Amino acid sequence: MNAVRTSEAGFTIIEVIIAIMVLTVGLLGLVTTAALVTRMIGQGQRSAVASTFAAQRMERLRTAACIPAQRVPGGENLLRGSTVVATNTWRFTPVVVGGTTWKIDLTTIYKTVKNRSRTERMETTVIC
């Protein structure tokens, strides 16, 4: 006696197509997120480079604040090849006229995505 099987195990074509569609939507979401994360990392790197550039200049300006000959406004550019990555400008102002306390204003401008620029300002007071 031969037994005849009436039910077969497996997936139907509709189930396979739905599974592929769900997997595709999930992968597209991951790709979009990866692109966003990549842009954010690039923005963070540009911001970190500009902040380090400004912090280094501020440390040099703090020591120059007590020397009258070095207490002049100025500016400098940070270059990568021939491209300006960031620009610092600074100025000294007396807190009290004729006093020994000086305020240093440092402004940093750096490029962001799509060639836009961002400005950040740092300020400190030095007592000589």
Protein backbone atom coordinates (compact mmCIF):
# COMPACT_ATOMS: atom_id res chain seq x y z
CA MET A 1 0.00 0.00 0.00
CA ASN A 2 1.34 3.33 -1.05
CA ALA A 3 0.42 6.37 0.98
CA VAL A 4 -0.23 9.55 -0.97
CA ARG A 5 0.88 12.82 0.52
CA THR A 6 -1.64 15.58 0.23
CA SER A 7 0.18 18.44 1.95
CA GLU A 8 3.55 19.77 0.93
CA ALA A 9 5.80 21.80 3.23
CA GLY A 10 7.41 25.04 1.95
CA PHE A 11 6.79 28.68 1.11
CA THR A 12 4.47 30.01 -1.52
CA ILE A 13 5.68 32.52 -4.08
CA ILE A 14 3.58 35.26 -2.42
CA GLU A 15 5.31 34.70 0.92
CA VAL A 16 8.73 34.87 -0.72
CA ILE A 17 7.88 38.12 -2.54
CA ILE A 18 6.58 39.75 0.66
CA ALA A 19 9.71 38.66 2.55
CA ILE A 20 11.93 40.17 -0.18
CA MET A 21 9.96 43.43 -0.09
CA VAL A 22 10.28 43.71 3.70
CA LEU A 23 14.01 43.00 3.49
CA THR A 24 14.42 45.62 0.73
CA VAL A 25 12.65 48.32 2.76
CA GLY A 26 14.87 47.53 5.75
CA LEU A 27 18.05 47.71 3.67
CA LEU A 28 17.01 51.03 2.13
CA GLY A 29 16.51 52.40 5.63
CA LEU A 30 20.01 51.29 6.62
CA VAL A 31 21.57 52.87 3.53
CA THR A 32 19.81 56.19 4.22
CA THR A 33 20.96 56.14 7.83
CA ALA A 34 24.53 55.35 6.79
CA ALA A 35 24.60 58.36 4.45
CA LEU A 36 23.30 60.63 7.22
CA VAL A 37 25.88 59.34 9.69
CA THR A 38 28.66 59.89 7.15
CA ARG A 39 27.61 63.53 6.68
CA MET A 40 27.45 64.06 10.44
CA ILE A 41 30.94 62.61 10.91
CA GLY A 42 32.30 64.96 8.24
CA GLN A 43 30.63 67.94 9.90
CA GLY A 44 32.06 66.93 13.26
CA GLN A 45 35.55 66.64 11.82
CA ARG A 46 35.36 70.11 10.25
CA SER A 47 34.09 71.59 13.50
CA ALA A 48 36.81 69.85 15.53
CA VAL A 49 39.56 71.10 13.21
CA ALA A 50 38.27 74.68 13.43
CA SER A 51 37.92 74.48 17.23
CA THR A 52 41.46 73.18 17.63
CA PHE A 53 42.77 75.90 15.33
CA ALA A 54 40.96 78.56 17.40
CA ALA A 55 42.07 77.10 20.75
CA GLN A 56 45.72 77.07 19.68
CA ARG A 57 45.53 80.71 18.57
CA MET A 58 43.75 81.72 21.79
CA GLU A 59 46.55 80.23 23.90
CA ARG A 60 49.13 82.27 21.98
CA LEU A 61 46.98 85.42 22.30
CA ARG A 62 46.63 84.99 26.06
CA THR A 63 50.41 85.19 26.46
CA ALA A 64 50.61 88.15 24.03
CA ALA A 65 47.98 90.19 25.89
CA CYS A 66 50.45 91.41 28.50
CA ILE A 67 53.06 92.57 25.97
CA PRO A 68 52.04 95.94 24.48
CA ALA A 69 53.96 95.42 21.21
CA GLN A 70 52.11 92.13 20.53
CA ARG A 71 48.65 93.41 21.45
CA VAL A 72 47.55 94.04 17.85
CA PRO A 73 44.47 92.78 16.00
CA GLY A 74 45.05 90.23 13.28
CA GLY A 75 43.93 87.22 11.34
CA GLU A 76 45.17 83.94 9.93
CA ASN A 77 43.96 81.16 7.65
CA LEU A 78 44.21 77.41 8.06
CA LEU A 79 44.99 75.83 4.69
CA ARG A 80 44.63 72.27 3.44
CA GLY A 81 46.59 72.39 0.22
CA SER A 82 45.44 75.63 -1.37
CA THR A 83 41.96 75.52 0.20
CA VAL A 84 41.10 77.73 3.18
CA VAL A 85 39.56 75.47 5.82
CA ALA A 86 39.14 78.01 8.64
CA THR A 87 39.86 81.68 9.31
CA ASN A 88 40.64 83.25 12.69
CA THR A 89 40.39 86.98 13.40
CA TRP A 90 41.09 88.56 16.77
CA ARG A 91 41.24 91.85 18.59
CA PHE A 92 42.25 93.14 22.00
CA THR A 93 40.15 95.63 23.95
CA PRO A 94 40.91 97.08 27.38
CA VAL A 95 38.36 96.21 30.03
CA VAL A 96 39.10 99.40 31.95
CA VAL A 97 40.76 102.25 30.06
CA GLY A 98 44.38 102.51 31.23
CA GLY A 99 44.07 99.29 33.24
CA THR A 100 45.94 96.03 33.03
CA THR A 101 42.99 93.82 32.12
CA TRP A 102 42.42 92.97 28.46
CA LYS A 103 39.58 91.22 26.66
CA ILE A 104 40.43 89.02 23.69
CA ASP A 105 37.76 88.37 21.04
CA LEU A 106 38.50 85.53 18.63
CA THR A 107 36.17 84.78 15.72
CA THR A 108 36.51 81.59 13.68
CA ILE A 109 34.80 81.04 10.33
CA TYR A 110 34.89 77.60 8.74
CA LYS A 111 33.28 75.83 5.81
CA THR A 112 30.41 73.38 6.25
CA VAL A 113 28.56 71.22 3.73
CA LYS A 114 27.66 72.66 0.34
CA ASN A 115 30.32 75.38 0.75
CA ARG A 116 28.37 77.21 3.45
CA SER A 117 30.22 78.81 6.33
CA ARG A 118 29.72 78.86 10.07
CA THR A 119 30.97 81.48 12.53
CA GLU A 120 31.94 80.78 16.11
CA ARG A 121 33.21 83.25 18.66
CA MET A 122 35.50 82.80 21.64
CA GLU A 123 36.19 85.44 24.28
CA THR A 124 38.43 85.59 27.33
CA THR A 125 39.80 88.16 29.76
CA VAL A 126 43.48 88.35 30.73
CA ILE A 127 44.76 90.17 33.81
CA CYS A 128 48.36 91.34 33.41
